[in-house]
Amino acid sequence: NVELLGGWTLANPEREDVQEAAKEAVEAFNLKSKAKKYFRLINVTSASTQ
């Protein structure tokens, strides 16, 4: 199989950069959310990179 240029590829969800991106995404969501309760990151089950 040949991967498409710019296509999505699977990434290890335990990678440090994946974990950091997920953490930052949850923090950004909580900052903009008007909900009274916050979300928290439990685990990353899958990840893709482009």
Protein backbone atom coordinates (compact mmCIF):
# COMPACT_ATOMS: atom_id res chain seq x y z
CA ASN A 1 0.00 0.00 0.00
CA VAL A 2 1.16 3.48 -0.84
CA GLU A 3 0.09 6.26 1.49
CA LEU A 4 -1.41 9.34 -0.11
CA LEU A 5 0.56 12.55 0.19
CA GLY A 6 -1.17 14.55 2.90
CA GLY A 7 -3.33 11.58 3.85
CA TRP A 8 -4.05 10.36 7.37
CA THR A 9 -1.79 7.79 9.04
CA LEU A 10 -2.27 6.02 12.36
CA ALA A 11 -0.15 7.22 15.29
CA ASN A 12 0.61 5.58 18.62
CA PRO A 13 -1.81 7.13 21.14
CA GLU A 14 0.87 6.81 23.82
CA ARG A 15 3.29 9.12 22.00
CA GLU A 16 4.26 12.14 24.07
CA ASP A 17 3.20 14.65 21.39
CA VAL A 18 -0.20 12.94 21.01
CA GLN A 19 -0.77 13.01 24.76
CA GLU A 20 0.24 16.68 24.95
CA ALA A 21 -2.04 17.63 22.04
CA ALA A 22 -4.98 15.85 23.68
CA LYS A 23 -4.29 17.58 26.99
CA GLU A 24 -4.14 21.00 25.32
CA ALA A 25 -7.34 20.29 23.37
CA VAL A 26 -9.28 19.47 26.54
CA GLU A 27 -7.91 22.58 28.28
CA ALA A 28 -8.88 24.78 25.31
CA PHE A 29 -12.36 23.24 25.21
CA ASN A 30 -12.86 23.86 28.94
CA LEU A 31 -11.75 27.50 28.61
CA LYS A 32 -14.33 28.20 25.89
CA SER A 33 -17.12 26.04 27.30
CA LYS A 34 -19.95 27.74 29.17
CA ALA A 35 -20.80 24.54 31.03
CA LYS A 36 -20.57 24.52 34.82
CA LYS A 37 -18.66 21.25 34.77
CA TYR A 38 -15.25 20.63 33.22
CA PHE A 39 -14.14 17.77 31.03
CA ARG A 40 -11.01 15.87 31.95
CA LEU A 41 -8.80 13.65 29.84
CA ILE A 42 -9.01 10.01 30.88
CA ASN A 43 -7.13 8.27 28.05
CA VAL A 44 -6.41 8.50 24.35
CA THR A 45 -7.71 5.44 22.52
CA SER A 46 -6.59 6.27 18.96
CA ALA A 47 -4.71 8.94 17.05
CA SER A 48 -3.97 9.92 13.45
CA THR A 49 -1.52 12.35 11.92
CA GLN A 50 -1.61 14.17 8.64
